Amino acid sequence: MADRYLSFTATAPGRLLTRRLGLPQPAALRRWTAEQPSLDGHLLQLTAGGPSALDLAPVLARTGLPTEPVGSAGPAGSAAAPAAVVLDATGVRDVETLAEVHAALYPVVRTVTASGRVVVLGAPLDARDHHQAAVQQALEGFVRSLGKEIGRGRTVNLVRLTDASAAESTLRFLLSPRSAYVSGQVIGVGAAGSGGFEGADGFEGTREAEGASGFDGSGGFEGTRGAEGTGGFDGTGGWEGSDAPVDRALPLAGRTALVTGGARGIGEAVAETLARDGAHVVVLDVPQAEEDARRVAARLGGSALTLDITAADAGERIAAEFPDGLDVLIHNAGITRDRRLVNMPADRWSSVLDVNLASVLRTTDALLAKGTLRPGGRIVATASIAGLAGNAGQTNYGASKAGVAGLVRSLAPRALAEHGVTVNAVAPGFIETRMTAAVPLFIREAGRRMNSLAQGGLPVDVAETIAWLAHPASGAVNGQVVRVCGQSLLGA
C-alpha cells in the first residue's frame, strides 16, 4: 500500500506544512538496485581514543566507496559531503577519550548525505576494566540517541569487533543501500559476537537497539516483493568447509537455500533475494499454498516443497529431500492469532507457539543431528520486535518470537563449534504488507511514524538483512538478533 504521507512530505507544500506543525518528515530511503548498488559519495574514516589496532584501510577500500582518512581532530580533506562515516572508537577506554567521539563526529554529522550511513566501531566490554566497560557501553546509548536525531533517512549503527577482516561483510552491508531500514543496532562480530564482554564468562550477549512497535510484517503474510535483478555483495571470503572461491556477483552460487513460508510476503522477498545472489532456492510452504510456492519457485529457477512444518516428522522429511546437504536454512514460516490473554482460548495459544517456535526447534534439531546442514551453513530465523518488547493482544505471538531469540543465543555457539553452522535472527518491525495495509488508518500511521525513519519498511529490507547473514563471508556473525525496524521509538 502506498504511503501517501511520505509522498506528500516530498512536495514543497508538504515540507512547509509538516515543518510548521512539527510533524514527522520522512525521507525517501535509498535501497539497492542493480543500476545503483552503492551509496553516492565518499567514505570518511575517523578515529577516537588514539591510534587504532585495526587494519581498516583494506577492508573499507572494498566497500566500493572512495575512502578519505581523517584524524580524530576533525575533517581535513575535501569539502564534499560524505555518504558514510566510519568512526573507529575501539581505543576508547575512559571518559576523557570518550570525549573524542564527540570531537570527531560533531563537525561532520550534519554534512552526511541523505540516506547516508554512520558506523561506530567499538570493542568488546572488558570485564577486568570497569572504566573501559563503562565507556564502551556508553557508545550504545550514544549510537541509539544519534540514530533518533540524525534524520534525512540516515542510519547509525555500532559494530563491536576485534578483527576488521572478520567484520568485512558486516561493514559492506551497513555501508550500502541494502541496510536502508536497519538503524540503532549493536552487532557483535567474532569474539564480540557471542557476548558483550571479554575476559569473563556468564555475561549475557550483545543487546539489541532499543525500540519496538506493535507491528510485524513477517509470518507468511502477503506483501511487497523484494527488489529484482542480479548482483550480490562485492565480497571476499570463502565458504567455510569449502575451498571453492566465492563469485563476487553471485556469492551464493552453488549453494542451496530453504525458505519456509516462502510462497508469499516476506518469505517470497527472501527467496527472490537469495536467488538473486545465486542460490538454488527451495520454497517451502503448507500444502494449501502449493500453487503459490510452485509459481515462486518456477520464476526463480528453484524448486518447491510442500509440507506441514508442524508435523512431528517435518525435519526428517526435509532431510530426506536434501541427501547432498543444505547450506542455508531460513525459518520464516509463522502465523498470528491475536487476542488479549483474558479472551484467548488454548487453541489460539498452542497453534501460534507450534508454528512459530516448536516447529523451528524441532526442524533445526533434526537437520543438525542428521548433518543435513553442511559445514559453513547458515541458519537465520525470523523473530519480531513484538517478541523483544511485547505488544498488547499478542502474548502468544510475543512469546513465540522471544523464544526464537532465546534459541539463537543458546544454540549459536554450540552449532558453530559442533557443526560449523552459524545461527542468527532478524526481528522485523512495521513492514508494509497486505496485513499491515488492512490495519485501521490511524493505527497504521502510528506504526509507520514511530521510528527514527518515520516510515514503514519493505519486505526487501528484511530479505537484504537475511542475505547478509547468509553470506559466505558472514561466518564471524553468530548469535545475533538484528532488528529491521527503522529504530522504532518505543522501548521494551
Protein backbone atom coordinates (compact mmCIF):
# COMPACT_ATOMS: atom_id res chain seq x y z
CA MET A 1 0.00 0.00 0.00
CA ALA A 2 1.35 3.42 -0.96
CA ASP A 3 2.48 5.72 1.85
CA ARG A 4 0.61 8.89 0.88
CA TYR A 5 2.05 10.89 3.77
CA LEU A 6 5.59 10.11 2.63
CA SER A 7 4.71 11.23 -0.88
CA PHE A 8 3.09 14.43 0.43
CA THR A 9 6.10 15.41 2.54
CA ALA A 10 8.29 15.17 -0.56
CA THR A 11 6.44 18.14 -2.07
CA ALA A 12 7.23 21.78 -1.29
CA PRO A 13 3.85 22.45 0.39
CA GLY A 14 4.20 19.20 2.34
CA ARG A 15 7.64 20.12 3.62
CA LEU A 16 6.46 23.57 4.66
CA LEU A 17 3.32 22.37 6.41
CA THR A 18 4.91 19.46 8.27
CA ARG A 19 7.82 21.66 9.38
CA ARG A 20 5.49 24.32 10.78
CA LEU A 21 3.32 21.76 12.56
CA GLY A 22 6.27 19.80 13.90
CA LEU A 23 5.15 16.61 12.17
CA PRO A 24 7.46 13.77 11.08
CA GLN A 25 9.36 14.44 7.87
CA PRO A 26 10.37 11.07 6.43
CA ALA A 27 12.90 10.94 3.61
CA ALA A 28 12.60 8.50 0.73
CA LEU A 29 15.09 5.75 1.50
CA ARG A 30 17.79 4.76 -0.93
CA ARG A 31 17.61 0.97 -1.48
CA TRP A 32 19.81 -1.35 -3.53
CA THR A 33 19.25 -1.67 -7.25
CA ALA A 34 21.39 -3.35 -9.88
CA GLU A 35 21.84 0.05 -11.53
CA GLN A 36 22.86 1.82 -8.29
CA PRO A 37 24.39 -0.79 -5.96
CA SER A 38 26.41 1.67 -3.84
CA LEU A 39 25.90 4.90 -1.96
CA ASP A 40 26.76 8.09 -3.83
CA GLY A 41 29.81 9.79 -2.37
CA HIS A 42 32.90 9.04 -0.37
CA LEU A 43 33.55 7.38 2.98
CA LEU A 44 35.06 9.42 5.80
CA GLN A 45 37.25 7.49 8.24
CA LEU A 46 37.61 8.93 11.75
CA THR A 47 39.27 7.75 14.96
CA ALA A 48 38.72 8.34 18.66
CA GLY A 49 40.75 7.04 21.58
CA GLY A 50 44.17 7.12 19.98
CA PRO A 51 45.77 5.10 17.18
CA SER A 52 43.74 2.09 16.16
CA ALA A 53 44.93 -1.50 16.29
CA LEU A 54 42.51 -2.38 13.47
CA ASP A 55 43.71 -2.72 9.90
CA LEU A 56 40.70 -0.94 8.44
CA ALA A 57 42.10 0.50 5.23
CA PRO A 58 41.94 -2.63 3.02
CA VAL A 59 38.52 -3.58 4.36
CA LEU A 60 37.00 -0.14 3.79
CA ALA A 61 38.60 0.02 0.35
CA ARG A 62 36.49 -2.99 -0.64
CA THR A 63 33.19 -1.31 0.28
CA GLY A 64 33.11 0.35 -3.13
CA LEU A 65 33.26 3.83 -1.62
CA PRO A 66 36.36 6.01 -2.06
CA THR A 67 37.85 6.44 1.40
CA GLU A 68 39.18 9.62 2.93
CA PRO A 69 41.06 9.03 6.19
CA VAL A 70 40.78 11.82 8.73
CA GLY A 71 42.36 12.24 12.16
CA SER A 72 40.42 12.44 15.40
CA ALA A 73 40.52 16.23 15.41
CA GLY A 74 38.05 16.50 12.52
CA PRO A 75 37.94 16.60 8.75
CA ALA A 76 40.93 17.91 6.86
CA GLY A 77 40.15 16.68 3.36
CA SER A 78 37.72 17.65 0.65
CA ALA A 79 34.65 19.71 1.35
CA ALA A 80 32.38 17.22 -0.46
CA ALA A 81 29.63 15.74 1.71
CA PRO A 82 30.42 12.16 2.76
CA ALA A 83 27.97 9.37 2.00
CA ALA A 84 29.24 7.43 5.00
CA VAL A 85 31.30 7.96 8.14
CA VAL A 86 33.16 5.21 9.99
CA LEU A 87 34.40 6.15 13.45
CA ASP A 88 36.88 3.73 14.99
CA ALA A 89 36.28 4.06 18.75
CA THR A 90 37.78 0.71 19.74
CA GLY A 91 40.55 2.55 21.60
CA VAL A 92 38.18 4.50 23.86
CA ARG A 93 38.91 3.31 27.40
CA ASP A 94 37.95 6.19 29.72
CA VAL A 95 35.71 9.23 29.95
CA GLU A 96 38.46 11.51 28.69
CA THR A 97 38.90 9.60 25.43
CA LEU A 98 35.13 9.22 25.13
CA ALA A 99 35.11 12.99 24.54
CA GLU A 100 36.99 12.32 21.30
CA VAL A 101 33.85 10.64 19.92
CA HIS A 102 32.07 13.97 20.19
CA ALA A 103 35.07 15.87 18.83
CA ALA A 104 35.30 13.61 15.78
CA LEU A 105 31.61 13.48 14.81
CA TYR A 106 30.41 16.94 15.85
CA PRO A 107 31.89 18.72 12.78
CA VAL A 108 30.73 16.17 10.18
CA VAL A 109 27.37 14.68 11.20
CA ARG A 110 25.25 17.36 9.57
CA THR A 111 27.20 17.04 6.31
CA VAL A 112 26.39 13.35 5.73
CA THR A 113 24.25 12.98 2.63
CA ALA A 114 20.60 11.92 2.74
CA SER A 115 20.27 8.14 3.20
CA GLY A 116 23.87 8.19 4.38
CA ARG A 117 25.47 5.94 6.96
CA VAL A 118 27.31 6.42 10.27
CA VAL A 119 29.02 3.33 11.66
CA VAL A 120 30.81 3.41 15.01
CA LEU A 121 33.29 0.64 15.74
CA GLY A 122 33.57 -0.42 19.36
CA ALA A 123 35.49 -3.03 21.33
CA PRO A 124 34.07 -5.86 23.43
CA LEU A 125 33.49 -4.82 27.03
CA ASP A 126 36.43 -5.72 29.24
CA ALA A 127 35.19 -7.39 32.43
CA ARG A 128 38.58 -6.70 34.07
CA ASP A 129 38.41 -2.93 33.42
CA HIS A 130 35.17 -1.30 34.52
CA HIS A 131 36.23 2.08 33.14
CA GLN A 132 36.65 0.61 29.65
CA ALA A 133 33.41 -1.35 30.01
CA ALA A 134 31.53 1.76 31.09
CA VAL A 135 32.63 3.95 28.19
CA GLN A 136 32.28 1.21 25.60
CA GLN A 137 28.74 0.59 26.88
CA ALA A 138 28.24 4.35 26.65
CA LEU A 139 28.75 4.04 22.89
CA GLU A 140 25.49 2.08 22.69
CA GLY A 141 23.49 4.93 24.21
CA PHE A 142 25.32 7.39 22.02
CA VAL A 143 24.61 5.49 18.80
CA ARG A 144 20.95 4.90 19.60
CA SER A 145 20.43 8.55 20.50
CA LEU A 146 22.23 9.83 17.41
CA GLY A 147 20.14 7.49 15.27
CA LYS A 148 16.96 9.05 16.63
CA GLU A 149 18.03 12.61 15.82
CA ILE A 150 20.11 12.41 12.64
CA GLY A 151 17.16 12.38 10.21
CA ARG A 152 17.05 12.54 6.38
CA GLY A 153 16.95 8.78 6.01
CA ARG A 154 20.42 8.37 7.53
CA THR A 155 21.23 5.43 9.79
CA VAL A 156 23.60 4.93 12.73
CA ASN A 157 24.87 1.55 13.97
CA LEU A 158 27.54 0.17 16.30
CA VAL A 159 29.75 -2.81 15.47
CA ARG A 160 31.75 -4.47 18.24
CA LEU A 161 34.80 -6.23 16.83
CA THR A 162 38.41 -7.21 17.40
CA ASP A 163 39.37 -8.04 13.79
CA ALA A 164 38.49 -5.76 10.89
CA SER A 165 38.72 -8.52 8.29
CA ALA A 166 36.16 -10.64 10.17
CA ALA A 167 33.74 -7.72 10.02
CA GLU A 168 34.10 -7.08 6.28
CA SER A 169 30.72 -8.46 5.19
CA THR A 170 29.03 -6.59 8.05
CA LEU A 171 30.67 -3.29 7.14
CA ARG A 172 29.81 -3.74 3.47
CA PHE A 173 26.19 -4.35 4.41
CA LEU A 174 25.90 -1.41 6.81
CA LEU A 175 27.69 0.94 4.38
CA SER A 176 25.42 0.06 1.47
CA PRO A 177 21.84 0.77 0.35
CA ARG A 178 20.93 -2.77 1.44
CA SER A 179 20.72 -1.69 5.10
CA ALA A 180 18.22 1.13 4.48
CA TYR A 181 15.87 0.11 7.33
CA VAL A 182 18.50 -1.08 9.84
CA SER A 183 19.43 1.58 12.39
CA GLY A 184 20.31 1.84 16.06
CA GLN A 185 21.68 -1.71 16.10
CA VAL A 186 24.58 -3.13 18.10
CA ILE A 187 26.19 -6.01 16.21
CA GLY A 188 28.89 -8.21 17.65
CA VAL A 189 31.38 -9.78 15.26
CA GLY A 190 33.83 -12.56 16.00
CA ALA A 191 34.95 -12.53 19.63
CA ALA A 192 32.34 -9.85 20.30
CA GLY A 193 29.54 -11.84 18.70
CA SER A 194 28.74 -14.35 21.44
CA GLY A 195 28.65 -11.89 24.30
CA GLY A 196 29.22 -8.30 25.23
CA PHE A 197 32.25 -8.94 27.44
CA GLU A 198 35.81 -10.16 27.16
CA GLY A 199 37.69 -11.82 29.98
CA ALA A 200 34.75 -13.31 31.86
CA ASP A 201 32.11 -15.98 31.47
CA GLY A 202 28.42 -15.83 32.17
CA PHE A 203 27.65 -12.40 30.77
CA GLU A 204 24.69 -12.05 28.51
CA GLY A 205 25.19 -11.37 24.84
CA THR A 206 25.11 -8.15 22.92
CA ARG A 207 21.85 -6.31 23.38
CA GLU A 208 19.75 -5.10 20.53
CA ALA A 209 18.87 -1.50 19.94
CA GLU A 210 16.01 -0.06 21.94
CA GLY A 211 12.65 0.25 20.35
CA ALA A 212 9.70 -1.75 19.26
CA SER A 213 6.35 -1.30 17.69
CA GLY A 214 3.28 -3.43 17.81
CA PHE A 215 3.53 -4.47 14.19
CA ASP A 216 5.34 -7.17 12.32
CA GLY A 217 5.10 -7.90 8.61
CA SER A 218 6.51 -11.39 8.97
CA GLY A 219 4.71 -14.67 9.39
CA GLY A 220 3.86 -15.64 5.84
CA PHE A 221 1.56 -12.74 5.01
CA GLU A 222 1.47 -11.41 1.50
CA GLY A 223 3.23 -8.18 0.76
CA THR A 224 5.51 -6.22 -1.48
CA ARG A 225 8.06 -8.25 -3.35
CA GLY A 226 11.76 -7.70 -2.97
CA ALA A 227 13.96 -5.97 -5.46
CA GLU A 228 14.50 -7.85 -8.67
CA GLY A 229 17.77 -8.01 -10.53
CA THR A 230 21.11 -9.66 -10.32
CA GLY A 231 24.25 -8.92 -8.40
CA GLY A 232 25.32 -9.68 -4.91
CA PHE A 233 27.78 -8.46 -2.32
CA ASP A 234 31.09 -7.40 -3.77
CA GLY A 235 32.66 -9.57 -1.13
CA THR A 236 35.59 -11.72 -0.38
CA GLY A 237 35.97 -14.64 1.94
CA GLY A 238 35.43 -18.32 1.40
CA TRP A 239 32.60 -20.59 2.40
CA GLU A 240 33.83 -22.44 5.47
CA GLY A 241 34.33 -26.10 4.73
CA SER A 242 34.96 -25.48 1.05
CA ASP A 243 37.94 -24.41 -0.99
CA ALA A 244 35.75 -23.06 -3.80
CA PRO A 245 36.16 -19.32 -4.43
CA VAL A 246 33.19 -17.04 -3.93
CA ASP A 247 31.73 -15.36 -7.01
CA ARG A 248 31.63 -11.66 -6.14
CA ALA A 249 28.47 -11.08 -8.18
CA LEU A 250 26.77 -14.30 -7.06
CA PRO A 251 28.11 -15.13 -3.58
CA LEU A 252 25.60 -17.94 -3.02
CA ALA A 253 26.28 -19.66 -6.33
CA GLY A 254 26.36 -23.43 -5.87
CA ARG A 255 24.53 -23.18 -2.53
CA THR A 256 21.08 -24.49 -1.69
CA ALA A 257 18.78 -22.39 0.46
CA LEU A 258 15.49 -23.49 2.02
CA VAL A 259 12.97 -20.74 2.86
CA THR A 260 9.98 -21.79 4.96
CA GLY A 261 6.81 -19.79 4.39
CA GLY A 262 8.38 -18.72 1.10
CA ALA A 263 5.29 -18.63 -1.10
CA ARG A 264 4.30 -15.06 -0.32
CA GLY A 265 5.10 -11.87 1.60
CA ILE A 266 8.44 -11.56 3.31
CA GLY A 267 9.26 -15.19 2.54
CA GLU A 268 8.85 -14.55 -1.17
CA ALA A 269 11.10 -11.48 -0.94
CA VAL A 270 13.73 -13.56 0.87
CA ALA A 271 13.56 -16.26 -1.80
CA GLU A 272 13.97 -13.63 -4.53
CA THR A 273 16.96 -12.02 -2.84
CA LEU A 274 18.78 -15.29 -2.19
CA ALA A 275 18.14 -16.37 -5.78
CA ARG A 276 19.48 -13.02 -6.96
CA ASP A 277 22.66 -13.81 -5.05
CA GLY A 278 22.98 -17.13 -6.85
CA ALA A 279 21.40 -19.67 -4.52
CA HIS A 280 19.21 -22.53 -5.66
CA VAL A 281 16.14 -21.70 -3.58
CA VAL A 282 13.68 -24.28 -2.29
CA VAL A 283 10.34 -22.64 -1.45
CA LEU A 284 8.66 -24.50 1.40
CA ASP A 285 5.07 -23.83 2.36
CA VAL A 286 1.93 -25.62 3.51
CA PRO A 287 0.04 -27.84 1.03
CA GLN A 288 -2.71 -25.21 0.75
CA ALA A 289 -0.15 -22.79 -0.73
CA GLU A 290 1.31 -25.28 -3.21
CA GLU A 291 0.25 -23.32 -6.28
CA ASP A 292 1.89 -20.12 -4.99
CA ALA A 293 5.01 -22.00 -3.90
CA ARG A 294 5.43 -23.57 -7.34
CA ARG A 295 4.83 -20.24 -9.04
CA VAL A 296 7.55 -18.50 -7.00
CA ALA A 297 9.98 -21.39 -7.40
CA ALA A 298 9.47 -21.54 -11.17
CA ARG A 299 10.06 -17.81 -11.52
CA LEU A 300 13.29 -18.03 -9.55
CA GLY A 301 14.59 -21.20 -11.17
CA GLY A 302 14.24 -23.03 -7.86
CA SER A 303 12.03 -25.80 -6.57
CA ALA A 304 9.01 -26.12 -4.29
CA LEU A 305 8.41 -28.32 -1.28
CA THR A 306 5.02 -28.54 0.40
CA LEU A 307 4.56 -29.98 3.86
CA ASP A 308 3.16 -29.13 7.28
CA ILE A 309 6.12 -27.65 9.13
CA THR A 310 4.45 -28.53 12.45
CA ALA A 311 4.38 -32.26 11.70
CA ALA A 312 6.47 -34.32 14.09
CA ASP A 313 8.46 -35.77 11.20
CA ALA A 314 8.88 -32.49 9.26
CA GLY A 315 12.62 -32.34 9.98
CA GLU A 316 13.17 -35.91 8.81
CA ARG A 317 11.15 -35.29 5.64
CA ILE A 318 13.16 -32.14 4.87
CA ALA A 319 16.41 -34.02 5.46
CA ALA A 320 15.28 -36.71 3.03
CA GLU A 321 14.80 -34.05 0.35
CA PHE A 322 18.46 -32.99 0.65
CA PRO A 323 20.63 -36.11 0.58
CA ASP A 324 23.58 -33.96 -0.55
CA GLY A 325 23.07 -31.40 2.19
CA LEU A 326 21.71 -27.91 2.67
CA ASP A 327 23.67 -24.67 3.00
CA VAL A 328 21.14 -22.07 4.14
CA LEU A 329 18.03 -22.58 6.28
CA ILE A 330 15.65 -19.64 6.66
CA HIS A 331 12.93 -20.09 9.28
CA ASN A 332 10.31 -17.62 8.04
CA ALA A 333 7.01 -19.50 8.41
CA GLY A 334 4.76 -18.02 11.07
CA ILE A 335 1.19 -17.14 11.98
CA THR A 336 -0.69 -14.73 14.25
CA ARG A 337 -3.83 -15.43 16.26
CA ASP A 338 -4.18 -12.15 18.14
CA ARG A 339 -6.40 -11.75 21.16
CA ARG A 340 -5.91 -10.46 24.70
CA LEU A 341 -4.95 -13.18 27.13
CA VAL A 342 -8.26 -12.98 29.05
CA ASN A 343 -10.06 -13.78 25.77
CA MET A 344 -7.56 -16.23 24.29
CA PRO A 345 -8.64 -19.88 24.09
CA ALA A 346 -5.98 -22.56 24.37
CA ASP A 347 -6.07 -23.42 20.67
CA ARG A 348 -5.05 -19.87 19.71
CA TRP A 349 -2.11 -20.08 22.07
CA SER A 350 -0.93 -23.53 21.04
CA SER A 351 -1.26 -23.03 17.27
CA VAL A 352 0.95 -19.93 17.30
CA LEU A 353 3.56 -21.49 19.57
CA ASP A 354 3.59 -24.67 17.49
CA VAL A 355 4.16 -22.92 14.15
CA ASN A 356 6.38 -20.06 15.29
CA LEU A 357 8.58 -21.77 17.86
CA ALA A 358 8.13 -25.52 18.31
CA SER A 359 8.49 -26.25 14.59
CA VAL A 360 11.68 -24.15 14.46
CA LEU A 361 13.15 -26.06 17.40
CA ARG A 362 12.19 -29.49 16.04
CA THR A 363 13.35 -28.99 12.46
CA THR A 364 16.59 -27.29 13.49
CA ASP A 365 17.43 -30.11 15.88
CA ALA A 366 16.64 -32.76 13.26
CA LEU A 367 18.63 -31.12 10.45
CA LEU A 368 21.68 -30.55 12.65
CA ALA A 369 21.55 -34.07 14.09
CA LYS A 370 21.37 -35.63 10.63
CA GLY A 371 24.17 -33.47 9.28
CA THR A 372 21.89 -32.00 6.62
CA LEU A 373 23.33 -28.53 7.19
CA ARG A 374 26.83 -28.62 5.76
CA PRO A 375 29.84 -27.03 7.49
CA GLY A 376 29.78 -23.32 6.70
CA GLY A 377 25.99 -23.40 6.75
CA ARG A 378 23.72 -20.59 7.87
CA ILE A 379 20.54 -20.69 9.93
CA VAL A 380 18.53 -17.46 10.04
CA ALA A 381 15.24 -17.35 11.96
CA THR A 382 12.57 -14.67 11.99
CA ALA A 383 11.88 -13.19 15.41
CA SER A 384 9.93 -9.94 15.88
CA ILE A 385 10.18 -6.76 17.86
CA ALA A 386 6.77 -7.75 19.24
CA GLY A 387 8.64 -10.55 20.98
CA LEU A 388 11.51 -8.35 22.15
CA ALA A 389 9.34 -5.52 23.50
CA GLY A 390 5.89 -7.08 23.83
CA ASN A 391 2.58 -6.00 22.33
CA ALA A 392 -0.98 -5.94 23.67
CA GLY A 393 -3.09 -8.72 22.21
CA GLN A 394 -0.06 -10.79 21.23
CA THR A 395 1.01 -12.73 24.31
CA ASN A 396 1.13 -15.89 22.20
CA TYR A 397 2.97 -14.29 19.28
CA GLY A 398 5.32 -12.33 21.53
CA ALA A 399 6.18 -15.45 23.50
CA SER A 400 6.92 -17.41 20.32
CA LYS A 401 9.15 -14.73 18.83
CA ALA A 402 11.01 -14.08 22.08
CA GLY A 403 11.57 -17.83 22.15
CA VAL A 404 13.24 -17.61 18.75
CA ALA A 405 15.68 -15.06 20.15
CA GLY A 406 16.44 -17.38 23.07
CA LEU A 407 17.02 -20.27 20.68
CA VAL A 408 19.52 -18.21 18.69
CA ARG A 409 21.53 -17.06 21.67
CA SER A 410 21.77 -20.51 23.21
CA LEU A 411 22.32 -22.60 20.10
CA ALA A 412 24.67 -20.30 18.17
CA PRO A 413 27.97 -21.07 19.96
CA ARG A 414 27.29 -24.83 20.08
CA ALA A 415 26.12 -25.05 16.46
CA LEU A 416 29.28 -23.28 15.34
CA ALA A 417 31.57 -25.40 17.49
CA GLU A 418 29.93 -28.75 16.72
CA HIS A 419 28.65 -28.31 13.16
CA GLY A 420 30.40 -25.24 11.72
CA VAL A 421 26.99 -23.56 11.28
CA THR A 422 26.07 -20.02 12.35
CA VAL A 423 22.68 -19.19 13.87
CA ASN A 424 21.18 -15.67 13.79
CA ALA A 425 17.78 -13.98 13.65
CA VAL A 426 16.13 -10.91 12.22
CA ALA A 427 13.40 -9.08 14.12
CA PRO A 428 11.15 -7.07 11.76
CA GLY A 429 9.19 -4.03 12.88
CA PHE A 430 6.40 -2.35 10.90
CA ILE A 431 6.76 -3.82 7.41
CA GLU A 432 4.47 -2.80 4.56
CA THR A 433 2.49 -5.93 3.71
CA ARG A 434 -1.13 -6.76 2.95
CA MET A 435 -1.56 -7.49 6.64
CA THR A 436 -0.47 -4.01 7.73
CA ALA A 437 -2.42 -2.45 4.87
CA ALA A 438 -5.57 -3.85 6.49
CA VAL A 439 -4.82 -2.16 9.83
CA PRO A 440 -7.09 0.83 10.62
CA LEU A 441 -5.71 4.10 9.25
CA PHE A 442 -4.65 5.85 12.44
CA ILE A 443 -3.06 2.74 13.96
CA ARG A 444 -1.26 2.10 10.70
CA GLU A 445 0.04 5.67 10.58
CA ALA A 446 1.28 5.40 14.17
CA GLY A 447 3.12 2.21 13.30
CA ARG A 448 4.74 3.86 10.30
CA ARG A 449 5.84 7.06 12.00
CA MET A 450 7.01 5.81 15.40
CA ASN A 451 10.54 5.02 14.33
CA SER A 452 13.61 7.07 13.57
CA LEU A 453 12.99 6.90 9.81
CA ALA A 454 9.27 7.82 10.21
CA GLN A 455 8.07 5.20 7.72
CA GLY A 456 7.36 1.52 7.34
CA GLY A 457 9.92 -0.89 5.98
CA LEU A 458 9.54 -3.13 2.94
CA PRO A 459 9.82 -6.94 2.78
CA VAL A 460 13.05 -6.48 0.82
CA ASP A 461 14.60 -4.75 3.85
CA VAL A 462 14.16 -7.95 5.85
CA ALA A 463 15.35 -10.00 2.88
CA GLU A 464 18.54 -7.99 2.44
CA THR A 465 19.38 -8.40 6.12
CA ILE A 466 18.87 -12.15 5.86
CA ALA A 467 21.04 -12.25 2.72
CA TRP A 468 23.87 -10.55 4.66
CA LEU A 469 23.60 -13.12 7.47
CA ALA A 470 23.52 -15.94 4.88
CA HIS A 471 26.56 -14.61 3.02
CA PRO A 472 29.65 -16.88 2.91
CA ALA A 473 31.81 -14.11 4.42
CA SER A 474 29.48 -13.63 7.42
CA GLY A 475 30.83 -16.56 9.39
CA ALA A 476 32.01 -14.27 12.20
CA VAL A 477 28.44 -13.02 12.78
CA ASN A 478 26.84 -15.52 15.15
CA GLY A 479 24.19 -15.41 17.85
CA GLN A 480 22.86 -12.01 16.77
CA VAL A 481 19.25 -10.80 16.76
CA VAL A 482 19.17 -7.85 14.36
CA ARG A 483 16.12 -5.60 14.31
CA VAL A 484 14.85 -4.41 10.95
CA CYS A 485 12.55 -1.74 12.32
CA GLY A 486 13.96 1.66 11.31
CA GLN A 487 14.88 2.03 15.01
CA SER A 488 11.42 2.03 16.49
CA LEU A 489 10.88 4.73 19.11
CA LEU A 490 9.07 2.56 21.66
CA GLY A 491 11.26 0.69 24.13
CA ALA A 492 10.81 -2.64 25.84
